[in-house]
Protein backbone atom coordinates (compact mmCIF):
# COMPACT_ATOMS: atom_id res chain seq x y z
CA ASN A 1 0.07 0.06 0.15
CA LEU A 2 2.96 2.31 0.68
CA GLU A 3 4.24 1.68 -2.76
CA PHE A 4 1.01 2.92 -4.12
CA GLU A 5 1.29 6.04 -2.12
CA HIS A 6 5.23 7.06 -2.51
CA GLY A 7 6.59 4.63 -5.11
CA SER A 8 7.67 6.06 -8.37
CA PRO A 9 5.78 5.25 -10.50
CA PRO A 10 3.48 4.01 -8.04
CA GLU A 11 2.06 1.08 -10.33
CA GLU A 12 5.35 -0.29 -11.26
CA ALA A 13 6.75 0.23 -7.66
CA ALA A 14 3.90 -1.83 -6.17
CA MET A 15 4.13 -4.66 -8.74
CA ALA A 16 7.96 -5.04 -8.29
CA LEU A 17 7.22 -5.23 -4.25
CA PHE A 18 4.72 -8.02 -5.13
CA LYS A 19 6.76 -9.76 -7.23
CA ARG A 20 9.81 -9.60 -4.77
CA GLY A 21 7.37 -10.88 -1.84
CA LEU A 22 5.63 -13.62 -3.75
CA PRO A 23 8.19 -16.43 -3.39
CA TYR A 24 7.89 -15.95 0.48
CA ASN A 25 4.16 -15.73 0.87
CA ASP A 26 1.13 -17.91 0.05
CA GLY A 27 0.51 -17.14 -3.60
CA LYS A 28 -3.15 -17.24 -3.63
CA LYS A 29 -3.74 -15.11 -0.57
CA PHE A 30 -1.10 -12.59 -1.76
CA HIS A 31 -2.86 -12.50 -5.10
CA LEU A 32 -6.13 -12.13 -3.40
CA ALA A 33 -4.84 -9.03 -1.05
CA LEU A 34 -3.06 -7.55 -4.21
CA LEU A 35 -6.43 -7.55 -6.07
CA GLU A 36 -8.16 -6.12 -3.18
CA ILE A 37 -5.74 -3.19 -3.01
CA LEU A 38 -5.88 -2.64 -6.79
CA ARG A 39 -9.81 -2.63 -6.47
CA GLU A 40 -9.44 0.05 -3.63
CA LYS A 41 -7.02 2.29 -5.77
CA GLY A 42 -9.29 1.93 -8.82
CA LEU A 43 -6.67 0.61 -10.99
CA ASP A 44 -8.95 -1.51 -13.15
CA ASP A 45 -6.28 -2.54 -15.92
CA LEU A 46 -3.75 -3.96 -13.37
CA ALA A 47 -6.45 -5.56 -11.54
CA GLN A 48 -7.61 -7.31 -14.94
CA GLN A 49 -4.18 -8.56 -15.24
CA VAL A 50 -3.98 -9.82 -11.75
CA LEU A 51 -7.33 -11.51 -12.22
CA ALA A 52 -6.24 -13.44 -15.46
CA THR A 53 -3.16 -14.54 -13.69
CA MET A 54 -4.85 -15.72 -10.38
CA CYS A 55 -7.60 -17.65 -12.51
CA LYS A 56 -4.72 -19.27 -14.54
CA LYS A 57 -2.36 -20.20 -11.67
CA PHE A 58 -5.16 -21.13 -9.13
CA ARG A 59 -7.75 -22.65 -11.36
CA ALA A 60 -8.65 -25.27 -9.00
CA SER A 61 -9.44 -22.85 -6.14
CA PRO A 62 -13.31 -21.75 -5.85
CA ASP A 63 -12.00 -18.59 -3.59
CA VAL A 64 -10.19 -17.38 -6.53
CA TRP A 65 -13.11 -17.79 -9.07
CA LEU A 66 -15.38 -16.06 -6.43
CA ALA A 67 -13.21 -13.06 -6.07
CA ALA A 68 -12.98 -12.56 -9.95
CA ILE A 69 -16.62 -13.01 -10.08
CA GLU A 70 -17.09 -10.38 -7.27
CA TYR A 71 -14.70 -7.97 -8.73
CA HIS A 72 -16.61 -8.03 -11.96
CA CYS A 73 -19.82 -7.72 -10.17
CA ALA A 74 -18.70 -4.77 -8.14
CA GLN A 75 -17.54 -2.96 -11.20
CA GLY A 76 -21.02 -3.63 -12.72
CA ARG A 77 -19.81 -5.97 -15.37
CA GLU A 78 -22.46 -8.65 -15.30
CA LYS A 79 -21.67 -10.28 -18.37
CA GLN A 80 -17.92 -10.68 -17.70
CA ALA A 81 -18.89 -12.02 -14.36
CA SER A 82 -20.99 -14.64 -16.13
CA GLN A 83 -18.35 -15.56 -18.50
CA VAL A 84 -15.81 -16.02 -15.36
CA MET A 85 -18.69 -18.15 -13.89
CA ASP A 86 -18.82 -20.36 -16.92
CA ARG A 87 -15.06 -20.74 -16.83
CA SER A 88 -15.08 -21.42 -13.28
CA LEU A 89 -17.56 -24.32 -13.53
CA LYS A 90 -15.39 -25.94 -16.40
CA SER A 91 -12.30 -25.62 -14.05
CA LEU A 92 -13.69 -26.92 -10.75
CA GLU A 93 -14.33 -30.79 -11.05
CA ASP A 94 -15.81 -31.39 -7.63
CA PRO A 95 -19.83 -31.02 -7.76
CA LYS A 96 -19.64 -29.93 -4.15
CA ASP A 97 -17.33 -27.08 -5.01
CA GLN A 98 -19.35 -26.34 -7.96
CA THR A 99 -22.56 -26.08 -5.81
CA GLN A 100 -20.91 -23.96 -3.29
CA LEU A 101 -19.59 -21.54 -5.68
CA ILE A 102 -23.08 -21.19 -7.44
CA SER A 103 -24.70 -20.45 -4.27
CA LYS A 104 -22.09 -17.70 -3.24
CA ALA A 105 -22.08 -16.14 -6.64
CA ALA A 106 -25.76 -16.01 -6.58
CA LEU A 107 -25.68 -13.96 -3.30
CA LEU A 108 -23.00 -11.77 -4.81
CA TYR A 109 -25.43 -11.17 -7.78
CA TYR A 110 -28.01 -10.11 -5.24
CA LYS A 111 -25.60 -8.19 -3.38
CA HIS A 112 -24.70 -5.99 -6.54
CA ASP A 113 -28.31 -5.59 -7.74
CA PHE A 114 -28.19 -8.15 -10.57
CA GLN A 115 -31.38 -10.19 -9.07
CA GLU A 116 -32.63 -12.06 -12.19
CA GLN A 117 -29.04 -13.66 -12.57
CA GLY A 118 -28.86 -14.67 -8.93
CA ARG A 119 -32.59 -15.95 -9.38
CA HIS A 120 -31.61 -18.00 -12.25
CA MET A 121 -28.53 -19.53 -10.54
CA PHE A 122 -30.43 -20.46 -7.38
CA GLU A 123 -33.36 -22.03 -9.63
CA SER A 124 -30.59 -23.99 -11.83
CA VAL A 125 -28.87 -25.49 -8.62
CA LEU A 126 -32.33 -26.30 -7.04
CA LYS A 127 -33.35 -28.01 -10.07
CA THR A 128 -30.32 -30.23 -9.66
CA TYR A 129 -30.59 -30.49 -6.10
CA PRO A 130 -34.06 -29.83 -5.04
CA LYS A 131 -34.02 -31.36 -1.53
CA ARG A 132 -31.28 -29.00 -0.28
CA THR A 133 -32.98 -26.98 2.23
CA ASP A 134 -30.07 -24.81 3.08
CA LEU A 135 -30.10 -23.57 -0.54
CA TRP A 136 -33.90 -22.94 -0.47
CA SER A 137 -33.32 -21.06 2.91
CA ILE A 138 -30.66 -18.90 1.53
CA TYR A 139 -32.80 -18.11 -1.78
CA ILE A 140 -36.02 -17.20 0.45
CA ASP A 141 -33.78 -15.04 2.40
CA GLN A 142 -32.60 -12.99 -0.43
CA GLU A 143 -36.28 -12.56 -1.68
CA ILE A 144 -37.24 -11.63 1.61
CA LYS A 145 -34.53 -8.74 1.82
CA LEU A 146 -36.03 -7.69 -1.64
CA ARG A 147 -39.78 -7.82 -0.32
CA GLU A 148 -40.76 -9.56 -3.36
CA HIS A 149 -44.08 -10.97 -1.70
CA PRO A 150 -45.45 -12.89 -4.69
CA ARG A 151 -42.08 -14.41 -5.20
CA ILE A 152 -41.56 -15.21 -1.58
CA LYS A 153 -45.19 -16.91 -1.39
CA ASN A 154 -44.42 -19.03 -4.37
CA LEU A 155 -41.09 -20.02 -3.04
CA PHE A 156 -42.66 -21.16 0.18
CA GLU A 157 -45.61 -22.99 -1.48
CA ARG A 158 -42.92 -24.85 -3.80
CA ILE A 159 -41.01 -25.85 -0.77
CA THR A 160 -43.79 -27.01 1.44
CA HIS A 161 -45.23 -29.16 -1.12
CA MET A 162 -42.00 -31.12 -1.65
CA GLU A 163 -41.60 -34.57 -0.17
CA ILE A 164 -38.47 -34.31 1.89
CA PRO A 165 -37.45 -37.41 4.04
CA VAL A 166 -36.81 -36.91 7.64
């Protein structure tokens, strides 16, 4: 952070420091921290480069994909976030990781005012796993926050009419 304030030129000084510190730190955490700093400083071009590197280097990590999706959502780029989501589902092999990523990404879409995309994601994962009451609960909570009464009623009717083994 100091390099961005007092380095000369700031971006080059910060990236040189990052490259120097990378061998001595956890690469994934270090990249994620750098991404957060770049986001705060508004250095979009540099952040895009870091995202590309992270997604290639740590393609098996749901956290990295989620950070990339969140970055694009926060920037208002729903289309790029969806493209990253598609790439992440191809890269993650474990269905549990995929389901977890989809539900967390759906929450991010809701958080950044892309409700239709969030709904679509919850509906698709619930089509595959209809008895996952935890996912139903998260989905309903998001709709309650939006005060979408007809949707809330519809969701409650759908879940109460399901046959869930006890």
